[in-house]
Amino acid sequence: MTKEELKELDRLSRDESEWVRLRVAKNPSCPIEVLVSLVSDEHRDVREAATQSLRSRKETATPEELSRIEEMLSLLELGIRFDDETLDLSKIDI
């Protein structure tokens, strides 16, 4: 994907329409950081799609991406959700 397309997915991930955000969460080219933000979406379908996308990405992720995915999935299993302002997991000791 081009930089512009990635920026567009990021922008669409904040669209007011839950249907648009759901499509972003299901997009196989969606950047991991965008999926991470969508796992805390206000709509359950978007959260579930983003979580499923993260799980499926584990097989093809780089080591750095895999670490980020596993951190987020671990936190989700504990029932911890974040808003956009607190998504910097580098500040959280797991």
Protein backbone atom coordinates (compact mmCIF):
# COMPACT_ATOMS: atom_id res chain seq x y z
CA MET A 1 0.00 0.00 0.00
CA THR A 2 1.09 3.53 -0.63
CA LYS A 3 1.64 6.02 2.17
CA GLU A 4 -1.48 7.86 1.07
CA GLU A 5 -3.58 4.69 1.26
CA LEU A 6 -2.26 3.95 4.75
CA LYS A 7 -3.10 7.48 5.84
CA GLU A 8 -6.58 7.04 4.40
CA LEU A 9 -7.13 3.86 6.42
CA ASP A 10 -5.98 5.69 9.52
CA ARG A 11 -8.40 8.53 8.81
CA LEU A 12 -11.27 6.12 8.08
CA SER A 13 -10.60 4.30 11.35
CA ARG A 14 -11.87 7.44 13.09
CA ASP A 15 -14.93 7.88 10.86
CA GLU A 16 -18.20 8.50 12.67
CA SER A 17 -19.81 5.55 10.88
CA GLU A 18 -19.33 2.23 12.66
CA TRP A 19 -19.74 0.50 9.28
CA VAL A 20 -16.76 2.36 7.85
CA ARG A 21 -14.66 1.49 10.90
CA LEU A 22 -15.78 -2.14 10.63
CA ARG A 23 -14.57 -2.29 7.02
CA VAL A 24 -11.24 -0.82 8.08
CA ALA A 25 -10.91 -3.43 10.84
CA LYS A 26 -11.54 -6.20 8.31
CA ASN A 27 -9.12 -4.82 5.72
CA PRO A 28 -6.16 -7.21 5.43
CA SER A 29 -3.85 -4.27 4.67
CA CYS A 30 -4.85 -2.29 7.72
CA PRO A 31 -1.77 -1.26 9.71
CA ILE A 32 -1.38 -2.96 13.08
CA GLU A 33 -1.39 0.36 14.94
CA VAL A 34 -4.78 1.19 13.42
CA LEU A 35 -6.12 -2.22 14.46
CA VAL A 36 -4.78 -1.62 17.95
CA SER A 37 -6.79 1.59 18.15
CA LEU A 38 -9.92 -0.15 16.84
CA VAL A 39 -9.90 -2.86 19.53
CA SER A 40 -11.21 -0.17 21.88
CA ASP A 41 -13.94 1.06 19.54
CA GLU A 42 -17.29 1.89 21.10
CA HIS A 43 -19.04 -0.70 18.89
CA ARG A 44 -18.63 -4.38 19.69
CA ASP A 45 -18.58 -5.53 16.03
CA VAL A 46 -15.65 -3.20 15.28
CA ARG A 47 -13.77 -4.32 18.41
CA GLU A 48 -14.29 -7.99 17.55
CA ALA A 49 -13.23 -7.55 13.92
CA ALA A 50 -10.09 -5.66 14.94
CA THR A 51 -9.22 -8.30 17.54
CA GLN A 52 -9.73 -11.09 15.01
CA SER A 53 -7.57 -9.24 12.48
CA LEU A 54 -4.80 -8.89 15.05
CA ARG A 55 -4.97 -12.60 15.87
CA SER A 56 -4.73 -13.54 12.20
CA ARG A 57 -1.75 -11.19 11.69
CA LYS A 58 0.35 -13.04 14.27
CA GLU A 59 1.44 -15.56 11.64
CA THR A 60 2.88 -12.98 9.25
CA ALA A 61 3.99 -10.23 11.61
CA THR A 62 7.54 -9.03 12.02
CA PRO A 63 9.05 -9.67 15.47
CA GLU A 64 8.32 -6.08 16.49
CA GLU A 65 4.73 -6.27 15.22
CA LEU A 66 4.25 -9.64 16.90
CA SER A 67 5.35 -8.20 20.22
CA ARG A 68 2.88 -5.31 19.86
CA ILE A 69 0.05 -7.68 18.87
CA GLU A 70 0.72 -10.04 21.76
CA GLU A 71 0.81 -7.14 24.23
CA MET A 72 -2.55 -5.86 23.06
CA LEU A 73 -4.18 -9.31 22.97
CA SER A 74 -2.90 -10.02 26.50
CA LEU A 75 -4.40 -6.79 27.76
CA LEU A 76 -7.69 -7.54 26.02
CA GLU A 77 -7.83 -10.95 27.66
CA LEU A 78 -7.51 -9.16 31.00
CA GLY A 79 -10.41 -6.91 30.02
CA ILE A 80 -8.25 -3.80 29.69
CA ARG A 81 -9.26 -1.33 26.97
CA PHE A 82 -7.68 1.98 26.03
CA ASP A 83 -8.74 5.15 24.36
CA ASP A 84 -6.60 6.87 21.71
CA GLU A 85 -4.73 8.92 24.31
CA THR A 86 -3.55 5.96 26.37
CA LEU A 87 -2.62 3.49 23.64
CA ASP A 88 1.13 3.91 24.09
CA LEU A 89 1.85 0.47 25.51
CA SER A 90 5.55 1.21 25.72
CA LYS A 91 4.74 3.03 28.96
CA ILE A 92 3.06 -0.04 30.48
CA ASP A 93 5.09 -2.75 32.12
CA ILE A 94 3.57 -6.11 31.27
